[in-house]
């Protein structure tokens, strides 16, 4: 079964730099010099879907969403 492509949506204004997302899923979520989240690619790598969702759901500020690409 082919897995569906997922995309990460970031609300940078809501990000307070807790870094929980990057602790849970460092292969997807990165932190810039100010501790604000970013991703190298908005498309979630194959096999990382569950961790990407977990990282987004763990955000205390709800600054991340994982949606269908």
PDB file of N, CA and C in Angstrom:
ATOM      1  N   UNK A   1       0.843  -1.193   0.000  1.00  0.00           N
ATOM      2  CA  UNK A   1       0.000   0.000   0.000  1.00  0.00           C
ATOM      3  C   UNK A   1       0.882   1.247   0.000  1.00  0.00           C
ATOM      4  N   UNK A   2       0.592   2.131  -0.886  1.00  0.00           N
ATOM      5  CA  UNK A   2       1.365   3.375  -0.995  1.00  0.00           C
ATOM      6  C   UNK A   2       0.886   4.352   0.080  1.00  0.00           C
ATOM      7  N   UNK A   3       1.838   4.863   0.850  1.00  0.00           N
ATOM      8  CA  UNK A   3       1.436   5.813   1.891  1.00  0.00           C
ATOM      9  C   UNK A   3       1.196   7.179   1.260  1.00  0.00           C
ATOM     10  N   UNK A   4       0.269   7.909   1.829  1.00  0.00           N
ATOM     11  CA  UNK A   4      -0.047   9.224   1.295  1.00  0.00           C
ATOM     12  C   UNK A   4       1.040  10.205   1.699  1.00  0.00           C
ATOM     13  N   UNK A   5       1.245  11.179   0.859  1.00  0.00           N
ATOM     14  CA  UNK A   5       2.224  12.221   1.160  1.00  0.00           C
ATOM     15  C   UNK A   5       1.626  13.201   2.162  1.00  0.00           C
ATOM     16  N   UNK A   6       2.442  13.582   3.121  1.00  0.00           N
ATOM     17  CA  UNK A   6       2.026  14.549   4.121  1.00  0.00           C
ATOM     18  C   UNK A   6       2.924  15.774   4.053  1.00  0.00           C
ATOM     19  N   UNK A   7       2.353  16.899   4.454  1.00  0.00           N
ATOM     20  CA  UNK A   7       3.067  18.172   4.410  1.00  0.00           C
ATOM     21  C   UNK A   7       2.989  18.823   5.790  1.00  0.00           C
ATOM     22  N   UNK A   8       4.065  19.496   6.158  1.00  0.00           N
ATOM     23  CA  UNK A   8       4.104  20.201   7.434  1.00  0.00           C
ATOM     24  C   UNK A   8       3.796  21.673   7.207  1.00  0.00           C
ATOM     25  N   UNK A   9       2.885  22.186   8.014  1.00  0.00           N
ATOM     26  CA  UNK A   9       2.536  23.612   7.971  1.00  0.00           C
ATOM     27  C   UNK A   9       2.996  24.216   9.296  1.00  0.00           C
ATOM     28  N   UNK A  10       3.785  25.290   9.202  1.00  0.00           N
ATOM     29  CA  UNK A  10       4.342  25.928  10.392  1.00  0.00           C
ATOM     30  C   UNK A  10       3.763  27.327  10.554  1.00  0.00           C
ATOM     31  N   UNK A  11       3.304  27.614  11.760  1.00  0.00           N
ATOM     32  CA  UNK A  11       2.888  28.971  12.117  1.00  0.00           C
ATOM     33  C   UNK A  11       4.038  29.559  12.947  1.00  0.00           C
ATOM     34  N   UNK A  12       5.004  30.176  12.235  1.00  0.00           N
ATOM     35  CA  UNK A  12       6.206  30.678  12.912  1.00  0.00           C
ATOM     36  C   UNK A  12       5.877  31.703  13.994  1.00  0.00           C
ATOM     37  N   UNK A  13       4.824  32.472  13.803  1.00  0.00           N
ATOM     38  CA  UNK A  13       4.445  33.477  14.795  1.00  0.00           C
ATOM     39  C   UNK A  13       4.018  32.823  16.106  1.00  0.00           C
ATOM     40  N   UNK A  14       3.504  31.593  16.035  1.00  0.00           N
ATOM     41  CA  UNK A  14       3.050  30.900  17.238  1.00  0.00           C
ATOM     42  C   UNK A  14       4.188  30.151  17.932  1.00  0.00           C
ATOM     43  N   UNK A  15       5.266  29.879  17.208  1.00  0.00           N
ATOM     44  CA  UNK A  15       6.370  29.094  17.772  1.00  0.00           C
ATOM     45  C   UNK A  15       7.093  29.887  18.851  1.00  0.00           C
ATOM     46  N   UNK A  16       7.206  29.273  20.026  1.00  0.00           N
ATOM     47  CA  UNK A  16       7.901  29.915  21.151  1.00  0.00           C
ATOM     48  C   UNK A  16       9.243  29.259  21.452  1.00  0.00           C
ATOM     49  N   UNK A  17       9.660  28.343  20.600  1.00  0.00           N
ATOM     50  CA  UNK A  17      10.990  27.766  20.735  1.00  0.00           C
ATOM     51  C   UNK A  17      11.144  26.716  21.817  1.00  0.00           C
ATOM     52  N   UNK A  18      10.078  26.033  22.178  1.00  0.00           N
ATOM     53  CA  UNK A  18      10.207  24.967  23.172  1.00  0.00           C
ATOM     54  C   UNK A  18      11.090  23.825  22.666  1.00  0.00           C
ATOM     55  N   UNK A  19      11.023  23.567  21.364  1.00  0.00           N
ATOM     56  CA  UNK A  19      11.876  22.541  20.766  1.00  0.00           C
ATOM     57  C   UNK A  19      11.411  21.115  20.973  1.00  0.00           C
ATOM     58  N   UNK A  20      10.200  20.939  21.480  1.00  0.00           N
ATOM     59  CA  UNK A  20       9.681  19.586  21.718  1.00  0.00           C
ATOM     60  C   UNK A  20       9.590  18.826  20.392  1.00  0.00           C
ATOM     61  N   UNK A  21       9.167  19.487  19.347  1.00  0.00           N
ATOM     62  CA  UNK A  21       9.041  18.843  18.035  1.00  0.00           C
ATOM     63  C   UNK A  21      10.385  18.282  17.572  1.00  0.00           C
ATOM     64  N   UNK A  22      11.441  19.077  17.730  1.00  0.00           N
ATOM     65  CA  UNK A  22      12.766  18.660  17.290  1.00  0.00           C
ATOM     66  C   UNK A  22      13.329  17.540  18.165  1.00  0.00           C
ATOM     67  N   UNK A  23      12.946  17.507  19.428  1.00  0.00           N
ATOM     68  CA  UNK A  23      13.383  16.410  20.294  1.00  0.00           C
ATOM     69  C   UNK A  23      12.727  15.104  19.861  1.00  0.00           C
ATOM     70  N   UNK A  24      11.452  15.174  19.501  1.00  0.00           N
ATOM     71  CA  UNK A  24      10.701  13.976  19.108  1.00  0.00           C
ATOM     72  C   UNK A  24      11.091  13.512  17.713  1.00  0.00           C
ATOM     73  N   UNK A  25      11.248  14.444  16.789  1.00  0.00           N
ATOM     74  CA  UNK A  25      11.493  14.099  15.385  1.00  0.00           C
ATOM     75  C   UNK A  25      12.565  15.006  14.775  1.00  0.00           C
ATOM     76  N   UNK A  26      13.820  14.832  15.201  1.00  0.00           N
ATOM     77  CA  UNK A  26      14.895  15.721  14.721  1.00  0.00           C
ATOM     78  C   UNK A  26      15.209  15.586  13.234  1.00  0.00           C
ATOM     79  N   UNK A  27      14.769  14.484  12.615  1.00  0.00           N
ATOM     80  CA  UNK A  27      15.009  14.319  11.184  1.00  0.00           C
ATOM     81  C   UNK A  27      14.109  15.224  10.352  1.00  0.00           C
ATOM     82  N   UNK A  28      13.022  15.699  10.948  1.00  0.00           N
ATOM     83  CA  UNK A  28      12.081  16.562  10.229  1.00  0.00           C
ATOM     84  C   UNK A  28      12.141  17.992  10.747  1.00  0.00           C
ATOM     85  N   UNK A  29      12.024  18.156  12.063  1.00  0.00           N
ATOM     86  CA  UNK A  29      11.955  19.496  12.651  1.00  0.00           C
ATOM     87  C   UNK A  29      13.326  19.986  13.079  1.00  0.00           C
ATOM     88  N   UNK A  30      13.684  21.172  12.633  1.00  0.00           N
ATOM     89  CA  UNK A  30      14.955  21.805  12.990  1.00  0.00           C
ATOM     90  C   UNK A  30      14.643  23.113  13.709  1.00  0.00           C
ATOM     91  N   UNK A  31      15.626  23.611  14.458  1.00  0.00           N
ATOM     92  CA  UNK A  31      15.475  24.894  15.138  1.00  0.00           C
ATOM     93  C   UNK A  31      16.528  25.856  14.611  1.00  0.00           C
ATOM     94  N   UNK A  32      16.111  27.086  14.311  1.00  0.00           N
ATOM     95  CA  UNK A  32      17.069  28.077  13.833  1.00  0.00           C
ATOM     96  C   UNK A  32      17.837  28.677  15.010  1.00  0.00           C
ATOM     97  N   UNK A  33      18.672  29.661  14.752  1.00  0.00           N
ATOM     98  CA  UNK A  33      19.515  30.259  15.787  1.00  0.00           C
ATOM     99  C   UNK A  33      18.694  30.857  16.926  1.00  0.00           C
ATOM    100  N   UNK A  34      17.452  31.221  16.644  1.00  0.00           N
ATOM    101  CA  UNK A  34      16.571  31.789  17.667  1.00  0.00           C
ATOM    102  C   UNK A  34      15.674  30.740  18.319  1.00  0.00           C
ATOM    103  N   UNK A  35      15.857  29.490  17.937  1.00  0.00           N
ATOM    104  CA  UNK A  35      15.049  28.422  18.508  1.00  0.00           C
ATOM    105  C   UNK A  35      13.701  28.247  17.849  1.00  0.00           C
ATOM    106  N   UNK A  36      13.489  28.912  16.714  1.00  0.00           N
ATOM    107  CA  UNK A  36      12.210  28.815  16.002  1.00  0.00           C
ATOM    108  C   UNK A  36      12.266  27.642  15.015  1.00  0.00           C
ATOM    109  N   UNK A  37      11.193  26.898  14.972  1.00  0.00           N
ATOM    110  CA  UNK A  37      11.155  25.694  14.144  1.00  0.00           C
ATOM    111  C   UNK A  37      11.167  26.025  12.653  1.00  0.00           C
ATOM    112  N   UNK A  38      11.827  25.141  11.894  1.00  0.00           N
ATOM    113  CA  UNK A  38      11.749  25.166  10.431  1.00  0.00           C
ATOM    114  C   UNK A  38      11.949  23.744   9.932  1.00  0.00           C
ATOM    115  N   UNK A  39      11.670  23.517   8.683  1.00  0.00           N
ATOM    116  CA  UNK A  39      11.904  22.216   8.058  1.00  0.00           C
ATOM    117  C   UNK A  39      12.687  22.442   6.780  1.00  0.00           C
ATOM    118  N   UNK A  40      13.550  21.493   6.448  1.00  0.00           N
ATOM    119  CA  UNK A  40      14.292  21.591   5.187  1.00  0.00           C
ATOM    120  C   UNK A  40      13.366  21.377   4.005  1.00  0.00           C
ATOM    121  N   UNK A  41      12.359  20.539   4.203  1.00  0.00           N
ATOM    122  CA  UNK A  41      11.394  20.220   3.148  1.00  0.00           C
ATOM    123  C   UNK A  41      10.034  20.056   3.808  1.00  0.00           C
ATOM    124  N   UNK A  42       9.022  20.738   3.289  1.00  0.00           N
ATOM    125  CA  UNK A  42       7.689  20.674   3.895  1.00  0.00           C
ATOM    126  C   UNK A  42       7.059  19.293   3.750  1.00  0.00           C
ATOM    127  N   UNK A  43       7.524  18.504   2.767  1.00  0.00           N
ATOM    128  CA  UNK A  43       6.980  17.163   2.576  1.00  0.00           C
ATOM    129  C   UNK A  43       7.640  16.210   3.577  1.00  0.00           C
ATOM    130  N   UNK A  44       6.829  15.489   4.321  1.00  0.00           N
ATOM    131  CA  UNK A  44       7.341  14.551   5.330  1.00  0.00           C
ATOM    132  C   UNK A  44       7.996  13.366   4.613  1.00  0.00           C
ATOM    133  N   UNK A  45       9.240  13.040   4.981  1.00  0.00           N
ATOM    134  CA  UNK A  45       9.901  11.884   4.348  1.00  0.00           C
ATOM    135  C   UNK A  45       9.138  10.592   4.609  1.00  0.00           C
ATOM    136  N   UNK A  46       9.162   9.709   3.637  1.00  0.00           N
ATOM    137  CA  UNK A  46       8.473   8.433   3.770  1.00  0.00           C
ATOM    138  C   UNK A  46       9.011   7.686   4.983  1.00  0.00           C
ATOM    139  N   UNK A  47       8.098   7.145   5.772  1.00  0.00           N
ATOM    140  CA  UNK A  47       8.478   6.411   6.960  1.00  0.00           C
ATOM    141  C   UNK A  47       8.547   7.274   8.217  1.00  0.00           C
ATOM    142  N   UNK A  48       8.474   8.594   8.051  1.00  0.00           N
ATOM    143  CA  UNK A  48       8.573   9.510   9.193  1.00  0.00           C
ATOM    144  C   UNK A  48       7.211  10.091   9.576  1.00  0.00           C
ATOM    145  N   UNK A  49       6.146   9.592   8.942  1.00  0.00           N
ATOM    146  CA  UNK A  49       4.820  10.184   9.133  1.00  0.00           C
ATOM    147  C   UNK A  49       4.377  10.184  10.600  1.00  0.00           C
ATOM    148  N   UNK A  50       4.524   9.052  11.272  1.00  0.00           N
ATOM    149  CA  UNK A  50       4.056   8.957  12.657  1.00  0.00           C
ATOM    150  C   UNK A  50       4.841   9.887  13.583  1.00  0.00           C
ATOM    151  N   UNK A  51       6.164   9.911  13.428  1.00  0.00           N
ATOM    152  CA  UNK A  51       6.984  10.788  14.266  1.00  0.00           C
ATOM    153  C   UNK A  51       6.712  12.253  13.961  1.00  0.00           C
ATOM    154  N   UNK A  52       6.498  12.573  12.697  1.00  0.00           N
ATOM    155  CA  UNK A  52       6.202  13.964  12.331  1.00  0.00           C
ATOM    156  C   UNK A  52       4.887  14.401  12.972  1.00  0.00           C
ATOM    157  N   UNK A  53       3.881  13.518  12.935  1.00  0.00           N
ATOM    158  CA  UNK A  53       2.602  13.827  13.578  1.00  0.00           C
ATOM    159  C   UNK A  53       2.775  13.984  15.082  1.00  0.00           C
ATOM    160  N   UNK A  54       3.537  13.069  15.679  1.00  0.00           N
ATOM    161  CA  UNK A  54       3.754  13.111  17.128  1.00  0.00           C
ATOM    162  C   UNK A  54       4.449  14.415  17.526  1.00  0.00           C
ATOM    163  N   UNK A  55       5.453  14.813  16.748  1.00  0.00           N
ATOM    164  CA  UNK A  55       6.161  16.067  17.026  1.00  0.00           C
ATOM    165  C   UNK A  55       5.247  17.274  16.919  1.00  0.00           C
ATOM    166  N   UNK A  56       4.402  17.279  15.902  1.00  0.00           N
ATOM    167  CA  UNK A  56       3.466  18.391  15.723  1.00  0.00           C
ATOM    168  C   UNK A  56       2.451  18.442  16.857  1.00  0.00           C
ATOM    169  N   UNK A  57       1.929  17.276  17.224  1.00  0.00           N
ATOM    170  CA  UNK A  57       0.906  17.228  18.275  1.00  0.00           C
ATOM    171  C   UNK A  57       1.473  17.596  19.646  1.00  0.00           C
ATOM    172  N   UNK A  58       2.788  17.431  19.832  1.00  0.00           N
ATOM    173  CA  UNK A  58       3.420  17.726  21.118  1.00  0.00           C
ATOM    174  C   UNK A  58       3.707  19.214  21.298  1.00  0.00           C
ATOM    175  N   UNK A  59       3.551  20.003  20.244  1.00  0.00           N
ATOM    176  CA  UNK A  59       3.854  21.437  20.328  1.00  0.00           C
ATOM    177  C   UNK A  59       2.911  22.135  21.304  1.00  0.00           C
ATOM    178  N   UNK A  60       3.466  22.749  22.365  1.00  0.00           N
ATOM    179  CA  UNK A  60       2.610  23.412  23.357  1.00  0.00           C
ATOM    180  C   UNK A  60       1.831  24.595  22.777  1.00  0.00           C
ATOM    181  N   UNK A  61       2.335  25.178  21.695  1.00  0.00           N
ATOM    182  CA  UNK A  61       1.702  26.359  21.101  1.00  0.00           C
ATOM    183  C   UNK A  61       0.844  26.017  19.885  1.00  0.00           C
ATOM    184  N   UNK A  62       0.756  24.740  19.537  1.00  0.00           N
ATOM    185  CA  UNK A  62       0.023  24.300  18.340  1.00  0.00           C
ATOM    186  C   UNK A  62       0.498  25.054  17.100  1.00  0.00           C
ATOM    187  N   UNK A  63       1.817  25.220  16.979  1.00  0.00           N
ATOM    188  CA  UNK A  63       2.390  25.955  15.850  1.00  0.00           C
ATOM    189  C   UNK A  63       2.609  25.065  14.629  1.00  0.00           C
ATOM    190  N   UNK A  64       2.381  23.780  14.777  1.00  0.00           N
ATOM    191  CA  UNK A  64       2.642  22.841  13.690  1.00  0.00           C
ATOM    192  C   UNK A  64       1.389  22.050  13.331  1.00  0.00           C
ATOM    193  N   UNK A  65       1.257  21.765  12.059  1.00  0.00           N
ATOM    194  CA  UNK A  65       0.187  20.892  11.601  1.00  0.00           C
ATOM    195  C   UNK A  65       0.758  19.977  10.533  1.00  0.00           C
ATOM    196  N   UNK A  66       0.306  18.736  10.515  1.00  0.00           N
ATOM    197  CA  UNK A  66       0.673  17.792   9.474  1.00  0.00           C
ATOM    198  C   UNK A  66      -0.605  17.512   8.683  1.00  0.00           C
ATOM    199  N   UNK A  67      -0.570  17.855   7.395  1.00  0.00           N
ATOM    200  CA  UNK A  67      -1.760  17.767   6.559  1.00  0.00           C
ATOM    201  C   UNK A  67      -1.454  16.974   5.294  1.00  0.00           C
ATOM    202  N   UNK A  68      -2.485  16.561   4.589  1.00  0.00           N
ATOM    203  CA  UNK A  68      -2.285  15.884   3.306  1.00  0.00           C
ATOM    204  C   UNK A  68      -1.623  16.846   2.330  1.00  0.00           C
ATOM    205  N   UNK A  69      -0.625  16.334   1.629  1.00  0.00           N
ATOM    206  CA  UNK A  69       0.108  17.178   0.659  1.00  0.00           C
ATOM    207  C   UNK A  69      -0.692  17.333  -0.619  1.00  0.00           C
TER     208      UNK A  69
END
